[in-house]
């Protein structure tokens, strides 16, 4: 049995998802100052909470919206998937927090009125 020569592995290139302000600005074709201005007027998303990093996908989404490209919202509604999930999630939590109108007593011993 002959051994095959070992093939050199190609380096894996990963594009970072979190970008510094300089990288985010370059990604958009802006200077860091121009990118800060776009963030301040709401054209670009803010940095991720607690960081000085911007999410590449959020930047892509904002650029798609600016250029008029479809962003995943359904054709009949302008509501995006995340907005729909948040609305449904908030409605479910509100139901769970609201006390039942026809019950009285502490939660562990609910009795009908």
C-alpha atoms as a PDB file:
ATOM      1  CA  UNK A   1       0.000   0.000   0.000  1.00  0.00           C
ATOM      2  CA  UNK A   2       1.392   3.359  -1.036  1.00  0.00           C
ATOM      3  CA  UNK A   3       0.919   6.507   0.913  1.00  0.00           C
ATOM      4  CA  UNK A   4      -0.480   9.531  -0.821  1.00  0.00           C
ATOM      5  CA  UNK A   5       1.486  12.710  -0.335  1.00  0.00           C
ATOM      6  CA  UNK A   6      -0.137  14.995   2.191  1.00  0.00           C
ATOM      7  CA  UNK A   7      -1.966  17.874   0.545  1.00  0.00           C
ATOM      8  CA  UNK A   8      -1.425  21.242   2.177  1.00  0.00           C
ATOM      9  CA  UNK A   9      -4.624  22.566   3.688  1.00  0.00           C
ATOM     10  CA  UNK A  10      -5.910  25.861   2.399  1.00  0.00           C
ATOM     11  CA  UNK A  11      -6.234  28.454   5.136  1.00  0.00           C
ATOM     12  CA  UNK A  12      -9.770  29.062   6.277  1.00  0.00           C
ATOM     13  CA  UNK A  13     -10.748  32.678   5.985  1.00  0.00           C
ATOM     14  CA  UNK A  14     -13.468  33.840   8.311  1.00  0.00           C
ATOM     15  CA  UNK A  15     -15.088  37.218   8.008  1.00  0.00           C
ATOM     16  CA  UNK A  16     -15.651  38.595  11.490  1.00  0.00           C
ATOM     17  CA  UNK A  17     -19.276  39.326  12.280  1.00  0.00           C
ATOM     18  CA  UNK A  18     -18.483  42.058  14.824  1.00  0.00           C
ATOM     19  CA  UNK A  19     -16.727  45.048  13.307  1.00  0.00           C
ATOM     20  CA  UNK A  20     -14.850  47.946  14.836  1.00  0.00           C
ATOM     21  CA  UNK A  21     -15.999  51.414  13.825  1.00  0.00           C
ATOM     22  CA  UNK A  22     -13.117  51.659  11.343  1.00  0.00           C
ATOM     23  CA  UNK A  23     -13.994  48.282   9.810  1.00  0.00           C
ATOM     24  CA  UNK A  24     -17.734  49.064   9.754  1.00  0.00           C
ATOM     25  CA  UNK A  25     -17.057  52.420   8.096  1.00  0.00           C
ATOM     26  CA  UNK A  26     -14.784  50.828   5.485  1.00  0.00           C
ATOM     27  CA  UNK A  27     -17.397  48.108   4.890  1.00  0.00           C
ATOM     28  CA  UNK A  28     -19.914  50.859   4.042  1.00  0.00           C
ATOM     29  CA  UNK A  29     -17.412  52.907   2.049  1.00  0.00           C
ATOM     30  CA  UNK A  30     -17.394  55.695   4.633  1.00  0.00           C
ATOM     31  CA  UNK A  31     -14.910  57.364   6.929  1.00  0.00           C
ATOM     32  CA  UNK A  32     -15.324  56.606  10.642  1.00  0.00           C
ATOM     33  CA  UNK A  33     -16.706  60.144  11.110  1.00  0.00           C
ATOM     34  CA  UNK A  34     -19.214  59.633   8.305  1.00  0.00           C
ATOM     35  CA  UNK A  35     -20.249  56.291   9.770  1.00  0.00           C
ATOM     36  CA  UNK A  36     -20.758  57.924  13.202  1.00  0.00           C
ATOM     37  CA  UNK A  37     -22.957  60.537  11.564  1.00  0.00           C
ATOM     38  CA  UNK A  38     -25.056  57.854   9.821  1.00  0.00           C
ATOM     39  CA  UNK A  39     -25.460  56.095  13.185  1.00  0.00           C
ATOM     40  CA  UNK A  40     -26.488  59.345  14.899  1.00  0.00           C
ATOM     41  CA  UNK A  41     -29.230  60.063  12.332  1.00  0.00           C
ATOM     42  CA  UNK A  42     -30.470  56.471  12.369  1.00  0.00           C
ATOM     43  CA  UNK A  43     -29.298  55.341   8.945  1.00  0.00           C
ATOM     44  CA  UNK A  44     -27.052  52.695  10.521  1.00  0.00           C
ATOM     45  CA  UNK A  45     -27.676  50.611  13.644  1.00  0.00           C
ATOM     46  CA  UNK A  46     -25.934  51.490  16.905  1.00  0.00           C
ATOM     47  CA  UNK A  47     -23.088  49.430  18.331  1.00  0.00           C
ATOM     48  CA  UNK A  48     -23.978  46.173  20.049  1.00  0.00           C
ATOM     49  CA  UNK A  49     -24.997  46.847  23.656  1.00  0.00           C
ATOM     50  CA  UNK A  50     -22.010  47.074  25.981  1.00  0.00           C
ATOM     51  CA  UNK A  51     -19.486  47.020  23.142  1.00  0.00           C
ATOM     52  CA  UNK A  52     -17.827  49.217  20.575  1.00  0.00           C
ATOM     53  CA  UNK A  53     -18.599  46.679  17.825  1.00  0.00           C
ATOM     54  CA  UNK A  54     -21.160  46.690  15.026  1.00  0.00           C
ATOM     55  CA  UNK A  55     -22.941  43.610  13.696  1.00  0.00           C
ATOM     56  CA  UNK A  56     -22.192  43.007  10.005  1.00  0.00           C
ATOM     57  CA  UNK A  57     -25.652  41.519   9.423  1.00  0.00           C
ATOM     58  CA  UNK A  58     -27.360  44.541  11.003  1.00  0.00           C
ATOM     59  CA  UNK A  59     -25.326  46.811   8.724  1.00  0.00           C
ATOM     60  CA  UNK A  60     -26.319  44.688   5.705  1.00  0.00           C
ATOM     61  CA  UNK A  61     -29.971  44.914   6.750  1.00  0.00           C
ATOM     62  CA  UNK A  62     -29.766  48.708   7.112  1.00  0.00           C
ATOM     63  CA  UNK A  63     -28.066  49.062   3.726  1.00  0.00           C
ATOM     64  CA  UNK A  64     -30.699  46.817   2.107  1.00  0.00           C
ATOM     65  CA  UNK A  65     -33.467  48.999   3.552  1.00  0.00           C
ATOM     66  CA  UNK A  66     -31.733  52.187   2.369  1.00  0.00           C
ATOM     67  CA  UNK A  67     -31.361  50.860  -1.159  1.00  0.00           C
ATOM     68  CA  UNK A  68     -34.941  49.563  -1.319  1.00  0.00           C
ATOM     69  CA  UNK A  69     -34.023  45.875  -1.454  1.00  0.00           C
ATOM     70  CA  UNK A  70     -36.405  43.350   0.144  1.00  0.00           C
ATOM     71  CA  UNK A  71     -35.420  42.755   3.754  1.00  0.00           C
ATOM     72  CA  UNK A  72     -37.396  39.625   4.620  1.00  0.00           C
ATOM     73  CA  UNK A  73     -40.698  41.374   5.391  1.00  0.00           C
ATOM     74  CA  UNK A  74     -43.697  39.667   3.860  1.00  0.00           C
ATOM     75  CA  UNK A  75     -45.129  41.129   0.663  1.00  0.00           C
ATOM     76  CA  UNK A  76     -48.482  42.130   2.174  1.00  0.00           C
ATOM     77  CA  UNK A  77     -46.990  43.564   5.363  1.00  0.00           C
ATOM     78  CA  UNK A  78     -44.020  45.787   6.135  1.00  0.00           C
ATOM     79  CA  UNK A  79     -43.536  43.931   9.432  1.00  0.00           C
ATOM     80  CA  UNK A  80     -40.249  42.026   9.531  1.00  0.00           C
ATOM     81  CA  UNK A  81     -39.872  38.539  10.981  1.00  0.00           C
ATOM     82  CA  UNK A  82     -38.189  39.875  14.116  1.00  0.00           C
ATOM     83  CA  UNK A  83     -40.879  42.544  14.611  1.00  0.00           C
ATOM     84  CA  UNK A  84     -43.582  39.894  14.278  1.00  0.00           C
ATOM     85  CA  UNK A  85     -41.774  37.623  16.768  1.00  0.00           C
ATOM     86  CA  UNK A  86     -41.373  40.487  19.250  1.00  0.00           C
ATOM     87  CA  UNK A  87     -45.058  41.427  18.943  1.00  0.00           C
ATOM     88  CA  UNK A  88     -46.187  37.839  19.468  1.00  0.00           C
ATOM     89  CA  UNK A  89     -43.690  37.286  22.284  1.00  0.00           C
ATOM     90  CA  UNK A  90     -44.770  40.466  24.086  1.00  0.00           C
ATOM     91  CA  UNK A  91     -48.447  39.470  23.726  1.00  0.00           C
ATOM     92  CA  UNK A  92     -47.725  36.044  25.248  1.00  0.00           C
ATOM     93  CA  UNK A  93     -45.861  37.576  28.179  1.00  0.00           C
ATOM     94  CA  UNK A  94     -48.651  40.073  28.787  1.00  0.00           C
ATOM     95  CA  UNK A  95     -51.176  37.224  28.994  1.00  0.00           C
ATOM     96  CA  UNK A  96     -48.965  35.340  31.446  1.00  0.00           C
ATOM     97  CA  UNK A  97     -48.526  38.432  33.642  1.00  0.00           C
ATOM     98  CA  UNK A  98     -52.192  39.476  33.615  1.00  0.00           C
ATOM     99  CA  UNK A  99     -54.195  38.038  36.514  1.00  0.00           C
ATOM    100  CA  UNK A 100     -57.236  36.018  35.609  1.00  0.00           C
ATOM    101  CA  UNK A 101     -60.331  38.208  35.988  1.00  0.00           C
ATOM    102  CA  UNK A 102     -62.594  35.502  37.358  1.00  0.00           C
ATOM    103  CA  UNK A 103     -60.193  34.123  39.981  1.00  0.00           C
ATOM    104  CA  UNK A 104     -59.364  35.407  43.446  1.00  0.00           C
ATOM    105  CA  UNK A 105     -56.915  34.481  46.150  1.00  0.00           C
ATOM    106  CA  UNK A 106     -53.173  33.860  46.069  1.00  0.00           C
ATOM    107  CA  UNK A 107     -51.757  32.197  42.952  1.00  0.00           C
ATOM    108  CA  UNK A 108     -51.270  28.838  44.685  1.00  0.00           C
ATOM    109  CA  UNK A 109     -54.902  28.706  45.711  1.00  0.00           C
ATOM    110  CA  UNK A 110     -57.066  30.212  43.019  1.00  0.00           C
ATOM    111  CA  UNK A 111     -60.790  29.825  43.523  1.00  0.00           C
ATOM    112  CA  UNK A 112     -63.572  31.029  41.210  1.00  0.00           C
ATOM    113  CA  UNK A 113     -65.620  34.029  42.352  1.00  0.00           C
END
